[in-house]
């Protein structure tokens, strides 16, 4: 039996690849390319269409913007992340409507310190590409 993927599934997979590419750019400090990738994902994925944690896209976009020094834009993206998921751990850590994130803060984001929860978006993405 041949399984044909739906248009939604194909679109989701393509955007997940774009998201992971954005994360790679972020990791090598190419924030312009990371921002481009994260914006593309946000533009092309409908949060209602896919069963995903949409807030993570806004959180990663916000972190890249923060690294570029675009503090107010970063705060706006963290706020959007919290709109989609009030428990988004990245946005909760960095969102402060009254204060910009300090670029060289000792409380900076370290992805390796995060343990994805079983069944979480990051766990599903990692499993998909293994």
C-alpha atoms as a PDB file:
ATOM      1  CA  UNK A   1       0.000   0.000   0.000  1.00  0.00           C
ATOM      2  CA  UNK A   2       1.376   3.394  -1.001  1.00  0.00           C
ATOM      3  CA  UNK A   3       0.873   6.255   1.393  1.00  0.00           C
ATOM      4  CA  UNK A   4       0.401   9.605  -0.282  1.00  0.00           C
ATOM      5  CA  UNK A   5       1.128  12.552   1.923  1.00  0.00           C
ATOM      6  CA  UNK A   6      -1.403  15.311   2.085  1.00  0.00           C
ATOM      7  CA  UNK A   7      -0.566  18.822   0.987  1.00  0.00           C
ATOM      8  CA  UNK A   8      -0.620  19.874   4.642  1.00  0.00           C
ATOM      9  CA  UNK A   9       1.892  17.183   5.599  1.00  0.00           C
ATOM     10  CA  UNK A  10       4.229  18.137   2.757  1.00  0.00           C
ATOM     11  CA  UNK A  11       3.963  21.817   3.669  1.00  0.00           C
ATOM     12  CA  UNK A  12       4.688  21.019   7.312  1.00  0.00           C
ATOM     13  CA  UNK A  13       7.748  18.930   6.410  1.00  0.00           C
ATOM     14  CA  UNK A  14       9.121  21.649   4.135  1.00  0.00           C
ATOM     15  CA  UNK A  15       8.702  24.244   6.848  1.00  0.00           C
ATOM     16  CA  UNK A  16      10.306  21.994   9.455  1.00  0.00           C
ATOM     17  CA  UNK A  17      13.346  21.699   7.194  1.00  0.00           C
ATOM     18  CA  UNK A  18      13.394  25.503   6.875  1.00  0.00           C
ATOM     19  CA  UNK A  19      13.101  25.842  10.676  1.00  0.00           C
ATOM     20  CA  UNK A  20      16.003  23.460  11.256  1.00  0.00           C
ATOM     21  CA  UNK A  21      18.058  25.366   8.687  1.00  0.00           C
ATOM     22  CA  UNK A  22      17.282  28.538  10.622  1.00  0.00           C
ATOM     23  CA  UNK A  23      18.472  26.883  13.823  1.00  0.00           C
ATOM     24  CA  UNK A  24      21.729  25.927  12.096  1.00  0.00           C
ATOM     25  CA  UNK A  25      22.231  29.515  10.956  1.00  0.00           C
ATOM     26  CA  UNK A  26      21.468  30.689  14.488  1.00  0.00           C
ATOM     27  CA  UNK A  27      24.038  28.264  15.916  1.00  0.00           C
ATOM     28  CA  UNK A  28      26.771  29.592  13.622  1.00  0.00           C
ATOM     29  CA  UNK A  29      25.738  33.169  14.423  1.00  0.00           C
ATOM     30  CA  UNK A  30      24.424  33.988  10.953  1.00  0.00           C
ATOM     31  CA  UNK A  31      21.441  35.807  12.407  1.00  0.00           C
ATOM     32  CA  UNK A  32      20.335  37.438   9.155  1.00  0.00           C
ATOM     33  CA  UNK A  33      19.845  34.042   7.497  1.00  0.00           C
ATOM     34  CA  UNK A  34      18.271  32.628  10.671  1.00  0.00           C
ATOM     35  CA  UNK A  35      15.761  35.487  10.747  1.00  0.00           C
ATOM     36  CA  UNK A  36      14.976  34.914   7.080  1.00  0.00           C
ATOM     37  CA  UNK A  37      14.308  31.211   7.691  1.00  0.00           C
ATOM     38  CA  UNK A  38      12.171  31.760  10.794  1.00  0.00           C
ATOM     39  CA  UNK A  39      10.123  34.476   9.074  1.00  0.00           C
ATOM     40  CA  UNK A  40       9.544  32.173   6.103  1.00  0.00           C
ATOM     41  CA  UNK A  41       8.222  29.431   8.370  1.00  0.00           C
ATOM     42  CA  UNK A  42       5.922  31.839  10.201  1.00  0.00           C
ATOM     43  CA  UNK A  43       4.664  33.237   6.899  1.00  0.00           C
ATOM     44  CA  UNK A  44       3.931  29.842   5.334  1.00  0.00           C
ATOM     45  CA  UNK A  45       2.576  27.825   8.251  1.00  0.00           C
ATOM     46  CA  UNK A  46      -0.939  28.306   9.533  1.00  0.00           C
ATOM     47  CA  UNK A  47      -0.992  27.701  13.299  1.00  0.00           C
ATOM     48  CA  UNK A  48      -4.519  26.304  12.974  1.00  0.00           C
ATOM     49  CA  UNK A  49      -3.634  23.969  10.118  1.00  0.00           C
ATOM     50  CA  UNK A  50      -0.761  22.054  11.687  1.00  0.00           C
ATOM     51  CA  UNK A  51      -0.744  20.293  15.028  1.00  0.00           C
ATOM     52  CA  UNK A  52       2.459  21.923  16.246  1.00  0.00           C
ATOM     53  CA  UNK A  53       3.758  24.243  18.914  1.00  0.00           C
ATOM     54  CA  UNK A  54       3.699  27.371  16.751  1.00  0.00           C
ATOM     55  CA  UNK A  55       5.143  29.568  19.502  1.00  0.00           C
ATOM     56  CA  UNK A  56       8.618  28.087  19.076  1.00  0.00           C
ATOM     57  CA  UNK A  57       8.977  29.764  15.665  1.00  0.00           C
ATOM     58  CA  UNK A  58       8.343  33.180  17.185  1.00  0.00           C
ATOM     59  CA  UNK A  59      10.682  32.461  20.096  1.00  0.00           C
ATOM     60  CA  UNK A  60      13.559  31.520  17.818  1.00  0.00           C
ATOM     61  CA  UNK A  61      12.894  34.533  15.614  1.00  0.00           C
ATOM     62  CA  UNK A  62      12.951  36.703  18.737  1.00  0.00           C
ATOM     63  CA  UNK A  63      16.260  35.240  19.905  1.00  0.00           C
ATOM     64  CA  UNK A  64      17.860  35.913  16.516  1.00  0.00           C
ATOM     65  CA  UNK A  65      16.497  39.463  16.517  1.00  0.00           C
ATOM     66  CA  UNK A  66      17.850  39.982  20.005  1.00  0.00           C
ATOM     67  CA  UNK A  67      21.289  38.827  18.908  1.00  0.00           C
ATOM     68  CA  UNK A  68      21.131  41.418  16.099  1.00  0.00           C
ATOM     69  CA  UNK A  69      20.372  44.068  18.723  1.00  0.00           C
ATOM     70  CA  UNK A  70      16.758  44.494  17.628  1.00  0.00           C
ATOM     71  CA  UNK A  71      15.442  44.465  21.195  1.00  0.00           C
ATOM     72  CA  UNK A  72      11.956  45.891  20.655  1.00  0.00           C
ATOM     73  CA  UNK A  73      11.307  43.562  17.705  1.00  0.00           C
ATOM     74  CA  UNK A  74      12.543  40.632  19.778  1.00  0.00           C
ATOM     75  CA  UNK A  75      10.197  41.559  22.619  1.00  0.00           C
ATOM     76  CA  UNK A  76       7.308  41.768  20.165  1.00  0.00           C
ATOM     77  CA  UNK A  77       8.082  38.257  18.879  1.00  0.00           C
ATOM     78  CA  UNK A  78       8.347  36.865  22.417  1.00  0.00           C
ATOM     79  CA  UNK A  79       4.934  38.383  23.097  1.00  0.00           C
ATOM     80  CA  UNK A  80       3.543  36.643  19.987  1.00  0.00           C
ATOM     81  CA  UNK A  81       5.058  33.356  21.159  1.00  0.00           C
ATOM     82  CA  UNK A  82       3.246  33.719  24.473  1.00  0.00           C
ATOM     83  CA  UNK A  83       0.009  34.436  22.613  1.00  0.00           C
ATOM     84  CA  UNK A  84       0.255  31.027  20.929  1.00  0.00           C
ATOM     85  CA  UNK A  85       1.550  29.231  24.005  1.00  0.00           C
ATOM     86  CA  UNK A  86       1.455  30.970  27.400  1.00  0.00           C
ATOM     87  CA  UNK A  87       3.884  28.325  28.680  1.00  0.00           C
ATOM     88  CA  UNK A  88       6.547  28.751  25.987  1.00  0.00           C
ATOM     89  CA  UNK A  89       9.700  28.266  28.068  1.00  0.00           C
ATOM     90  CA  UNK A  90      11.922  30.452  25.886  1.00  0.00           C
ATOM     91  CA  UNK A  91       9.502  33.383  25.742  1.00  0.00           C
ATOM     92  CA  UNK A  92       8.762  33.124  29.460  1.00  0.00           C
ATOM     93  CA  UNK A  93      12.461  33.312  30.193  1.00  0.00           C
ATOM     94  CA  UNK A  94      13.185  36.350  28.016  1.00  0.00           C
ATOM     95  CA  UNK A  95       9.974  38.353  27.590  1.00  0.00           C
ATOM     96  CA  UNK A  96       9.945  41.572  29.553  1.00  0.00           C
ATOM     97  CA  UNK A  97       7.663  44.277  28.172  1.00  0.00           C
ATOM     98  CA  UNK A  98       9.368  46.979  30.249  1.00  0.00           C
ATOM     99  CA  UNK A  99      12.994  46.123  29.634  1.00  0.00           C
ATOM    100  CA  UNK A 100      15.145  44.992  26.727  1.00  0.00           C
ATOM    101  CA  UNK A 101      17.081  41.758  26.912  1.00  0.00           C
ATOM    102  CA  UNK A 102      20.731  42.478  27.515  1.00  0.00           C
ATOM    103  CA  UNK A 103      22.867  41.101  24.703  1.00  0.00           C
ATOM    104  CA  UNK A 104      25.703  39.880  26.932  1.00  0.00           C
ATOM    105  CA  UNK A 105      23.562  38.740  29.820  1.00  0.00           C
ATOM    106  CA  UNK A 106      24.843  35.858  31.923  1.00  0.00           C
ATOM    107  CA  UNK A 107      21.301  34.522  31.676  1.00  0.00           C
ATOM    108  CA  UNK A 108      21.556  33.934  27.934  1.00  0.00           C
ATOM    109  CA  UNK A 109      19.777  31.174  26.084  1.00  0.00           C
ATOM    110  CA  UNK A 110      21.588  27.834  26.002  1.00  0.00           C
ATOM    111  CA  UNK A 111      19.696  25.207  24.026  1.00  0.00           C
ATOM    112  CA  UNK A 112      21.790  22.363  25.434  1.00  0.00           C
ATOM    113  CA  UNK A 113      20.409  23.112  28.893  1.00  0.00           C
ATOM    114  CA  UNK A 114      16.870  22.337  27.724  1.00  0.00           C
ATOM    115  CA  UNK A 115      15.535  18.831  27.959  1.00  0.00           C
ATOM    116  CA  UNK A 116      12.612  18.464  25.561  1.00  0.00           C
ATOM    117  CA  UNK A 117       9.525  16.967  27.142  1.00  0.00           C
ATOM    118  CA  UNK A 118       8.315  13.634  25.821  1.00  0.00           C
ATOM    119  CA  UNK A 119       5.982  14.272  22.903  1.00  0.00           C
ATOM    120  CA  UNK A 120       7.079  17.912  22.593  1.00  0.00           C
ATOM    121  CA  UNK A 121       7.576  19.718  19.315  1.00  0.00           C
ATOM    122  CA  UNK A 122      11.387  19.478  19.517  1.00  0.00           C
ATOM    123  CA  UNK A 123      11.245  15.769  20.300  1.00  0.00           C
ATOM    124  CA  UNK A 124       9.001  15.164  17.286  1.00  0.00           C
ATOM    125  CA  UNK A 125      11.296  17.163  14.977  1.00  0.00           C
ATOM    126  CA  UNK A 126      14.410  15.334  16.171  1.00  0.00           C
ATOM    127  CA  UNK A 127      12.673  11.961  15.743  1.00  0.00           C
ATOM    128  CA  UNK A 128      11.452  12.923  12.273  1.00  0.00           C
ATOM    129  CA  UNK A 129      14.993  13.545  11.035  1.00  0.00           C
ATOM    130  CA  UNK A 130      16.630  10.514  12.629  1.00  0.00           C
END
